[in-house]
Amino acid sequence: MAYPQRTDRLVILNLPHPKGLQRELATNPQQQKNSEYARLLQADGADQLMTPDLLAKWVKEPDDRKKYLDAFKRSSISGMLNYYKANYPRPPYKDEKTYPPVKCSVLMFHGLDDPYLLPGALNDTWKWVEKDLTLVTVPKAGHWVHRDAPEFVTKRMVRWLTQD
């Protein structure tokens, strides 16, 4: 089946807008505690400690794990961690950093059992998106929502991407 090419849409999996996350980090002690791992990823030298094996440890299926390992071996770990260094809010969580508004339609999935990014960070996401926002919360799914509910996520994503 051929799908129409669309360039004006964005799909996000378990990644709240940095402003929402910043607000939660400033006010929610549980989110602060749950973000300690991200702090490690921001530290100088983290890319020297992170390995493809560590990055893929959450993948339980042997065939899938091999695919992830192969991909991570071809990837820049420093580049991946630079996302956290540049975008993950840091103390004291003041509203100093500005982000341009998201100018395209957005489909956002969020696993409600994500231990790292709590759902409170989703509040007000619509304030930072200039077009429509479709927020899909997935009960009993965690940080890897697309792995925890693959059929549901895929069906919703394809339907959203192919609608006019």
C-alpha atoms as a PDB file:
ATOM      1  CA  MET A   1       0.000   0.000   0.000  1.00  0.00           C
ATOM      2  CA  ALA A   2       1.383   3.409  -0.956  1.00  0.00           C
ATOM      3  CA  TYR A   3       0.922   6.256   1.463  1.00  0.00           C
ATOM      4  CA  PRO A   4       0.765   9.913   0.414  1.00  0.00           C
ATOM      5  CA  GLN A   5       3.868  12.006   1.115  1.00  0.00           C
ATOM      6  CA  ARG A   6       3.201  14.561   3.877  1.00  0.00           C
ATOM      7  CA  THR A   7       5.790  17.020   5.088  1.00  0.00           C
ATOM      8  CA  ASP A   8       3.620  19.129   7.347  1.00  0.00           C
ATOM      9  CA  ARG A   9       3.177  16.645  10.188  1.00  0.00           C
ATOM     10  CA  LEU A  10       5.233  15.524  13.162  1.00  0.00           C
ATOM     11  CA  VAL A  11       4.900  12.306  15.182  1.00  0.00           C
ATOM     12  CA  ILE A  12       6.316  12.288  18.717  1.00  0.00           C
ATOM     13  CA  LEU A  13       6.715   9.263  20.976  1.00  0.00           C
ATOM     14  CA  ASN A  14       6.967   9.932  24.721  1.00  0.00           C
ATOM     15  CA  LEU A  15       8.661  13.289  24.506  1.00  0.00           C
ATOM     16  CA  PRO A  16       6.853  16.233  26.077  1.00  0.00           C
ATOM     17  CA  HIS A  17       7.649  19.760  24.956  1.00  0.00           C
ATOM     18  CA  PRO A  18      10.702  21.052  26.863  1.00  0.00           C
ATOM     19  CA  LYS A  19       8.605  23.863  28.391  1.00  0.00           C
ATOM     20  CA  GLY A  20       6.182  21.376  29.934  1.00  0.00           C
ATOM     21  CA  LEU A  21       9.014  19.249  31.228  1.00  0.00           C
ATOM     22  CA  GLN A  22      10.787  22.320  32.617  1.00  0.00           C
ATOM     23  CA  ARG A  23       7.654  23.325  34.519  1.00  0.00           C
ATOM     24  CA  GLU A  24       7.285  19.834  35.972  1.00  0.00           C
ATOM     25  CA  LEU A  25      10.938  19.699  36.977  1.00  0.00           C
ATOM     26  CA  ALA A  26      10.560  23.039  38.758  1.00  0.00           C
ATOM     27  CA  THR A  27       7.462  21.994  40.706  1.00  0.00           C
ATOM     28  CA  ASN A  28       7.262  18.205  40.910  1.00  0.00           C
ATOM     29  CA  PRO A  29       9.770  16.386  43.175  1.00  0.00           C
ATOM     30  CA  GLN A  30       8.810  13.025  41.651  1.00  0.00           C
ATOM     31  CA  GLN A  31       9.679  14.280  38.154  1.00  0.00           C
ATOM     32  CA  GLN A  32      12.987  15.580  39.506  1.00  0.00           C
ATOM     33  CA  LYS A  33      13.780  12.147  40.952  1.00  0.00           C
ATOM     34  CA  ASN A  34      12.671  10.347  37.791  1.00  0.00           C
ATOM     35  CA  SER A  35      14.940  12.585  35.690  1.00  0.00           C
ATOM     36  CA  GLU A  36      18.171  11.630  37.448  1.00  0.00           C
ATOM     37  CA  TYR A  37      19.073   9.298  34.569  1.00  0.00           C
ATOM     38  CA  ALA A  38      18.779  12.158  32.090  1.00  0.00           C
ATOM     39  CA  ARG A  39      21.176  14.132  34.297  1.00  0.00           C
ATOM     40  CA  LEU A  40      23.733  11.352  33.834  1.00  0.00           C
ATOM     41  CA  LEU A  41      23.269  11.599  30.068  1.00  0.00           C
ATOM     42  CA  GLN A  42      24.025  15.343  30.242  1.00  0.00           C
ATOM     43  CA  ALA A  43      27.279  14.918  32.172  1.00  0.00           C
ATOM     44  CA  ASP A  44      30.622  15.545  30.550  1.00  0.00           C
ATOM     45  CA  GLY A  45      32.093  12.258  29.404  1.00  0.00           C
ATOM     46  CA  ALA A  46      28.746  10.411  29.336  1.00  0.00           C
ATOM     47  CA  ASP A  47      29.356   9.473  25.717  1.00  0.00           C
ATOM     48  CA  GLN A  48      32.512   7.629  26.807  1.00  0.00           C
ATOM     49  CA  LEU A  49      30.520   5.519  29.276  1.00  0.00           C
ATOM     50  CA  MET A  50      27.527   4.808  27.054  1.00  0.00           C
ATOM     51  CA  THR A  51      27.838   1.800  24.763  1.00  0.00           C
ATOM     52  CA  PRO A  52      25.578   0.242  22.140  1.00  0.00           C
ATOM     53  CA  ASP A  53      24.978  -2.649  24.574  1.00  0.00           C
ATOM     54  CA  LEU A  54      23.777  -0.278  27.287  1.00  0.00           C
ATOM     55  CA  LEU A  55      21.553   1.583  24.849  1.00  0.00           C
ATOM     56  CA  ALA A  56      19.916  -1.638  23.696  1.00  0.00           C
ATOM     57  CA  LYS A  57      19.553  -3.357  27.074  1.00  0.00           C
ATOM     58  CA  TRP A  58      15.816  -2.638  27.236  1.00  0.00           C
ATOM     59  CA  VAL A  59      15.126  -4.645  24.036  1.00  0.00           C
ATOM     60  CA  LYS A  60      14.203  -8.153  25.175  1.00  0.00           C
ATOM     61  CA  GLU A  61      13.622  -9.974  21.854  1.00  0.00           C
ATOM     62  CA  PRO A  62      16.956 -11.370  20.550  1.00  0.00           C
ATOM     63  CA  ASP A  63      16.347 -10.584  16.853  1.00  0.00           C
ATOM     64  CA  ASP A  64      15.168  -7.056  17.629  1.00  0.00           C
ATOM     65  CA  ARG A  65      18.030  -6.489  20.044  1.00  0.00           C
ATOM     66  CA  LYS A  66      20.525  -7.408  17.315  1.00  0.00           C
ATOM     67  CA  LYS A  67      18.930  -4.854  14.961  1.00  0.00           C
ATOM     68  CA  TYR A  68      19.121  -2.145  17.628  1.00  0.00           C
ATOM     69  CA  LEU A  69      22.735  -3.051  18.430  1.00  0.00           C
ATOM     70  CA  ASP A  70      23.684  -2.885  14.749  1.00  0.00           C
ATOM     71  CA  ALA A  71      21.987   0.507  14.399  1.00  0.00           C
ATOM     72  CA  PHE A  72      23.579   1.906  17.571  1.00  0.00           C
ATOM     73  CA  LYS A  73      27.010   0.735  16.396  1.00  0.00           C
ATOM     74  CA  ARG A  74      26.539   2.843  13.248  1.00  0.00           C
ATOM     75  CA  SER A  75      25.271   5.832  15.228  1.00  0.00           C
ATOM     76  CA  SER A  76      26.948   8.712  16.987  1.00  0.00           C
ATOM     77  CA  ILE A  77      26.436   8.205  20.703  1.00  0.00           C
ATOM     78  CA  SER A  78      27.769  11.723  21.289  1.00  0.00           C
ATOM     79  CA  GLY A  79      25.151  13.029  18.865  1.00  0.00           C
ATOM     80  CA  MET A  80      22.369  11.185  20.675  1.00  0.00           C
ATOM     81  CA  LEU A  81      23.458  12.499  24.052  1.00  0.00           C
ATOM     82  CA  ASN A  82      23.776  16.031  22.694  1.00  0.00           C
ATOM     83  CA  TYR A  83      19.962  16.094  22.579  1.00  0.00           C
ATOM     84  CA  TYR A  84      19.882  15.817  26.370  1.00  0.00           C
ATOM     85  CA  LYS A  85      22.636  18.381  26.769  1.00  0.00           C
ATOM     86  CA  ALA A  86      20.867  20.897  24.542  1.00  0.00           C
ATOM     87  CA  ASN A  87      17.204  20.334  25.384  1.00  0.00           C
ATOM     88  CA  TYR A  88      16.634  18.551  28.681  1.00  0.00           C
ATOM     89  CA  PRO A  89      15.991  21.288  31.264  1.00  0.00           C
ATOM     90  CA  ARG A  90      18.607  21.860  33.959  1.00  0.00           C
ATOM     91  CA  PRO A  91      18.297  23.368  37.416  1.00  0.00           C
ATOM     92  CA  PRO A  92      17.201  25.925  38.492  1.00  0.00           C
ATOM     93  CA  TYR A  93      14.476  25.407  35.826  1.00  0.00           C
ATOM     94  CA  LYS A  94      13.818  29.086  35.208  1.00  0.00           C
ATOM     95  CA  ASP A  95      11.905  30.072  32.105  1.00  0.00           C
ATOM     96  CA  GLU A  96      14.982  31.451  30.332  1.00  0.00           C
ATOM     97  CA  LYS A  97      15.277  29.308  27.221  1.00  0.00           C
ATOM     98  CA  THR A  98      12.975  30.084  24.338  1.00  0.00           C
ATOM     99  CA  TYR A  99      11.809  27.574  21.768  1.00  0.00           C
ATOM    100  CA  PRO A 100      10.200  28.459  18.465  1.00  0.00           C
ATOM    101  CA  PRO A 101       6.605  27.326  18.167  1.00  0.00           C
ATOM    102  CA  VAL A 102       5.974  24.012  16.437  1.00  0.00           C
ATOM    103  CA  LYS A 103       4.483  25.048  13.101  1.00  0.00           C
ATOM    104  CA  CYS A 104       3.084  21.722  11.881  1.00  0.00           C
ATOM    105  CA  SER A 105       0.346  19.342  12.952  1.00  0.00           C
ATOM    106  CA  VAL A 106       1.498  17.049  15.751  1.00  0.00           C
ATOM    107  CA  LEU A 107       0.556  13.528  16.790  1.00  0.00           C
ATOM    108  CA  MET A 108       1.943  12.800  20.249  1.00  0.00           C
ATOM    109  CA  PHE A 109       1.872   9.416  21.952  1.00  0.00           C
ATOM    110  CA  HIS A 110       2.590   9.105  25.647  1.00  0.00           C
ATOM    111  CA  GLY A 111       2.716   5.928  27.718  1.00  0.00           C
ATOM    112  CA  LEU A 112       1.005   6.691  30.998  1.00  0.00           C
ATOM    113  CA  ASP A 113       3.315   4.284  32.854  1.00  0.00           C
ATOM    114  CA  ASP A 114       6.498   6.011  31.649  1.00  0.00           C
ATOM    115  CA  PRO A 115       8.799   5.999  34.689  1.00  0.00           C
ATOM    116  CA  TYR A 116      10.988   8.824  33.335  1.00  0.00           C
ATOM    117  CA  LEU A 117       8.564  11.356  31.866  1.00  0.00           C
ATOM    118  CA  LEU A 118       5.462  11.823  33.965  1.00  0.00           C
ATOM    119  CA  PRO A 119       2.200  12.792  32.227  1.00  0.00           C
ATOM    120  CA  GLY A 120       1.991  16.188  33.961  1.00  0.00           C
ATOM    121  CA  ALA A 121       4.587  17.476  31.490  1.00  0.00           C
ATOM    122  CA  LEU A 122       1.998  17.081  28.720  1.00  0.00           C
ATOM    123  CA  ASN A 123      -0.207  19.840  30.143  1.00  0.00           C
ATOM    124  CA  ASP A 124      -0.238  23.003  28.018  1.00  0.00           C
ATOM    125  CA  THR A 125       1.514  21.355  25.053  1.00  0.00           C
ATOM    126  CA  TRP A 126      -1.106  22.993  22.819  1.00  0.00           C
ATOM    127  CA  LYS A 127       0.297  26.411  23.771  1.00  0.00           C
ATOM    128  CA  TRP A 128       3.527  25.628  21.890  1.00  0.00           C
ATOM    129  CA  VAL A 129       1.952  24.133  18.741  1.00  0.00           C
ATOM    130  CA  GLU A 130       0.539  26.522  16.100  1.00  0.00           C
ATOM    131  CA  LYS A 131      -1.518  23.886  14.298  1.00  0.00           C
ATOM    132  CA  ASP A 132      -3.574  20.983  15.570  1.00  0.00           C
ATOM    133  CA  LEU A 133      -2.283  18.673  18.274  1.00  0.00           C
ATOM    134  CA  THR A 134      -3.514  15.111  18.669  1.00  0.00           C
ATOM    135  CA  LEU A 135      -2.442  13.717  22.028  1.00  0.00           C
ATOM    136  CA  VAL A 136      -2.849   9.973  22.510  1.00  0.00           C
ATOM    137  CA  THR A 137      -2.232   8.658  26.008  1.00  0.00           C
ATOM    138  CA  VAL A 138      -1.676   4.909  26.230  1.00  0.00           C
ATOM    139  CA  PRO A 139      -2.517   3.199  29.541  1.00  0.00           C
ATOM    140  CA  LYS A 140      -0.151   0.419  30.661  1.00  0.00           C
ATOM    141  CA  ALA A 141       2.568   1.587  28.244  1.00  0.00           C
ATOM    142  CA  GLY A 142       5.891   2.914  29.441  1.00  0.00           C
ATOM    143  CA  HIS A 143       8.757   4.952  28.016  1.00  0.00           C
ATOM    144  CA  TRP A 144       8.892   2.801  24.884  1.00  0.00           C
ATOM    145  CA  VAL A 145       5.214   3.246  24.034  1.00  0.00           C
ATOM    146  CA  HIS A 146       5.736   1.978  20.478  1.00  0.00           C
ATOM    147  CA  ARG A 147       7.190  -1.271  21.850  1.00  0.00           C
ATOM    148  CA  ASP A 148       4.607  -1.674  24.626  1.00  0.00           C
ATOM    149  CA  ALA A 149       1.589  -1.125  22.352  1.00  0.00           C
ATOM    150  CA  PRO A 150       2.919  -1.595  18.804  1.00  0.00           C
ATOM    151  CA  GLU A 151      -0.312  -2.482  17.031  1.00  0.00           C
ATOM    152  CA  PHE A 152      -2.251   0.349  18.641  1.00  0.00           C
ATOM    153  CA  VAL A 153       0.470   2.938  17.975  1.00  0.00           C
ATOM    154  CA  THR A 154       1.008   1.809  14.385  1.00  0.00           C
ATOM    155  CA  LYS A 155      -2.703   1.828  13.502  1.00  0.00           C
ATOM    156  CA  ARG A 156      -3.249   5.291  15.023  1.00  0.00           C
ATOM    157  CA  MET A 157      -0.108   6.661  13.378  1.00  0.00           C
ATOM    158  CA  VAL A 158      -0.933   5.345   9.892  1.00  0.00           C
ATOM    159  CA  ARG A 159      -4.533   6.591  10.151  1.00  0.00           C
ATOM    160  CA  TRP A 160      -3.348  10.053  11.257  1.00  0.00           C
ATOM    161  CA  LEU A 161      -0.613  10.296   8.622  1.00  0.00           C
ATOM    162  CA  THR A 162      -2.890   9.261   5.769  1.00  0.00           C
ATOM    163  CA  GLN A 163      -5.934  11.344   6.634  1.00  0.00           C
ATOM    164  CA  ASP A 164      -6.610  14.463   4.587  1.00  0.00           C
END
